[in-house]
Amino acid sequence: MKNALRFACQYVDQIGGQSTTYDETKAVLVVNLDEVRFQTVLIMLQTSPGSGKEQLVLTSKVCEYDKSIDLKELLVETVKFDYSKFIIQDNFLKVEASCIAASASEEQVKEMIQEVATLADRYELKHTGQDIH
């Protein structure tokens, strides 16, 4: 397994979450946010469509997308995030962060995991009123 992915799994295990590795390029992290809330984050290595470099990508579902979700509001909120952005994929609103894998420090990977999980959980609660993912 590549270093950034391996470190991410070790970090989540250390903070009381769980990780399941599928192969050298993909794992699922269950991130412990507090005593009762968890958020699932998919972490994977892929080739960047822009640069062709190996990219570390973290994604977490927020909720199913529907037209009642104010996309302009989400774009305005995105500028407040350090690493993350909102995306719509497979009819789900998601939070995603990415970086070039070779230059990702352990501290950056930790911060990205925490940000993606925390934001996805916050907006999931806002849009659904539940802890689903």
Protein backbone atom coordinates (compact mmCIF):
# COMPACT_ATOMS: atom_id res chain seq x y z
CA MET A 1 0.00 0.00 0.00
CA LYS A 2 1.29 3.48 -0.79
CA ASN A 3 2.59 5.63 2.09
CA ALA A 4 -0.15 8.28 2.26
CA LEU A 5 -2.90 5.67 2.16
CA ARG A 6 -1.16 3.51 4.76
CA PHE A 7 -0.67 6.48 7.05
CA ALA A 8 -4.33 7.50 6.72
CA CYS A 9 -5.48 4.04 7.82
CA GLN A 10 -3.07 4.03 10.78
CA TYR A 11 -4.18 7.51 11.84
CA VAL A 12 -7.88 6.63 11.78
CA ASP A 13 -7.21 3.48 13.80
CA GLN A 14 -5.26 5.59 16.36
CA ILE A 15 -8.14 8.05 16.85
CA GLY A 16 -10.66 5.30 17.53
CA GLY A 17 -12.07 4.85 14.04
CA GLN A 18 -11.81 1.95 11.68
CA SER A 19 -10.25 1.38 8.29
CA THR A 20 -10.82 -1.24 5.64
CA THR A 21 -8.25 -1.49 2.85
CA TYR A 22 -9.43 -2.80 -0.50
CA ASP A 23 -6.13 -2.69 -2.37
CA GLU A 24 -3.06 -0.47 -2.73
CA THR A 25 -5.19 2.36 -4.06
CA LYS A 26 -8.40 2.40 -2.01
CA ALA A 27 -9.63 2.23 1.58
CA VAL A 28 -12.71 3.15 3.57
CA LEU A 29 -12.19 5.11 6.77
CA VAL A 30 -14.78 5.37 9.52
CA VAL A 31 -13.72 8.54 11.31
CA ASN A 32 -14.64 9.01 14.96
CA LEU A 33 -15.85 12.62 15.33
CA ASP A 34 -16.94 12.44 18.96
CA GLU A 35 -18.42 9.88 21.35
CA VAL A 36 -21.52 9.24 19.22
CA ARG A 37 -20.85 10.56 15.71
CA PHE A 38 -18.85 8.90 12.95
CA GLN A 39 -18.41 9.69 9.28
CA THR A 40 -17.36 7.39 6.45
CA VAL A 41 -14.61 8.67 4.15
CA LEU A 42 -13.41 6.95 0.98
CA ILE A 43 -9.70 7.51 0.40
CA MET A 44 -8.06 6.56 -2.87
CA LEU A 45 -5.07 7.10 -5.07
CA GLN A 46 -5.78 8.00 -8.68
CA THR A 47 -4.18 9.72 -11.62
CA SER A 48 -5.03 13.41 -11.73
CA PRO A 49 -6.94 14.23 -14.91
CA GLY A 50 -5.29 17.67 -14.89
CA SER A 51 -1.60 16.95 -14.26
CA GLY A 52 -1.30 13.19 -14.74
CA LYS A 53 0.33 12.92 -11.31
CA GLU A 54 -0.74 10.48 -8.59
CA GLN A 55 -3.39 12.17 -6.47
CA LEU A 56 -4.71 11.39 -3.00
CA VAL A 57 -8.50 11.89 -2.94
CA LEU A 58 -10.79 11.81 0.11
CA THR A 59 -14.56 11.81 -0.40
CA SER A 60 -17.54 11.59 1.95
CA LYS A 61 -21.26 11.55 1.18
CA VAL A 62 -23.45 14.32 2.57
CA CYS A 63 -26.89 13.40 1.20
CA GLU A 64 -28.78 12.67 -1.99
CA TYR A 65 -28.85 15.75 -4.16
CA ASP A 66 -32.19 17.39 -4.83
CA LYS A 67 -33.15 20.78 -6.21
CA SER A 68 -33.95 22.16 -2.74
CA ILE A 69 -30.20 22.32 -2.01
CA ASP A 70 -28.91 25.84 -2.62
CA LEU A 71 -25.82 25.33 -4.80
CA LYS A 72 -24.85 29.01 -4.62
CA GLU A 73 -24.78 28.77 -0.83
CA LEU A 74 -22.49 25.74 -1.05
CA LEU A 75 -20.12 27.56 -3.40
CA VAL A 76 -19.97 30.50 -0.99
CA GLU A 77 -19.26 28.10 1.91
CA THR A 78 -16.50 26.30 0.00
CA VAL A 79 -14.17 29.30 0.15
CA LYS A 80 -14.07 28.87 3.94
CA PHE A 81 -12.53 25.38 3.71
CA ASP A 82 -8.80 24.65 3.80
CA TYR A 83 -8.77 21.58 1.54
CA SER A 84 -12.33 20.59 0.68
CA LYS A 85 -14.96 21.38 -1.89
CA PHE A 86 -18.49 20.21 -2.59
CA ILE A 87 -19.11 17.93 -5.55
CA ILE A 88 -22.17 16.21 -6.97
CA GLN A 89 -21.43 12.64 -8.05
CA ASP A 90 -23.85 9.79 -8.74
CA ASN A 91 -26.69 12.08 -7.58
CA PHE A 92 -25.08 12.59 -4.15
CA LEU A 93 -23.80 15.80 -2.65
CA LYS A 94 -20.31 15.00 -1.34
CA VAL A 95 -17.35 16.70 0.29
CA GLU A 96 -14.04 16.01 -1.42
CA ALA A 97 -10.41 16.99 -0.85
CA SER A 98 -7.38 16.12 -2.94
CA CYS A 99 -3.66 16.73 -3.18
CA ILE A 100 -0.64 15.39 -5.03
CA ALA A 101 0.19 12.18 -3.16
CA ALA A 102 3.98 12.48 -3.37
CA SER A 103 3.99 15.85 -1.60
CA ALA A 104 1.37 15.08 1.06
CA SER A 105 2.78 15.28 4.57
CA GLU A 106 1.40 13.18 7.41
CA GLU A 107 0.03 16.36 9.02
CA GLN A 108 -1.72 17.36 5.81
CA VAL A 109 -3.31 13.91 5.46
CA LYS A 110 -4.61 14.12 9.06
CA GLU A 111 -6.03 17.59 8.44
CA MET A 112 -7.71 16.50 5.22
CA ILE A 113 -9.28 13.44 6.85
CA GLN A 114 -10.64 15.52 9.72
CA GLU A 115 -11.91 18.31 7.48
CA VAL A 116 -13.69 16.03 5.01
CA ALA A 117 -15.31 13.98 7.79
CA THR A 118 -16.32 17.00 9.88
CA LEU A 119 -17.75 18.99 6.98
CA ALA A 120 -19.64 16.05 5.52
CA ASP A 121 -21.12 15.29 8.94
CA ARG A 122 -22.07 18.94 9.53
CA TYR A 123 -23.79 19.37 6.17
CA GLU A 124 -25.41 15.94 6.38
CA LEU A 125 -27.00 16.97 9.68
CA LYS A 126 -28.02 20.33 8.19
CA HIS A 127 -29.64 18.81 5.09
CA THR A 128 -31.08 15.59 6.51
CA GLY A 129 -31.30 16.08 10.27
CA GLN A 130 -29.76 12.60 10.63
CA ASP A 131 -26.46 10.73 10.90
CA ILE A 132 -26.68 8.52 7.82
CA HIS A 133 -23.16 8.19 6.40
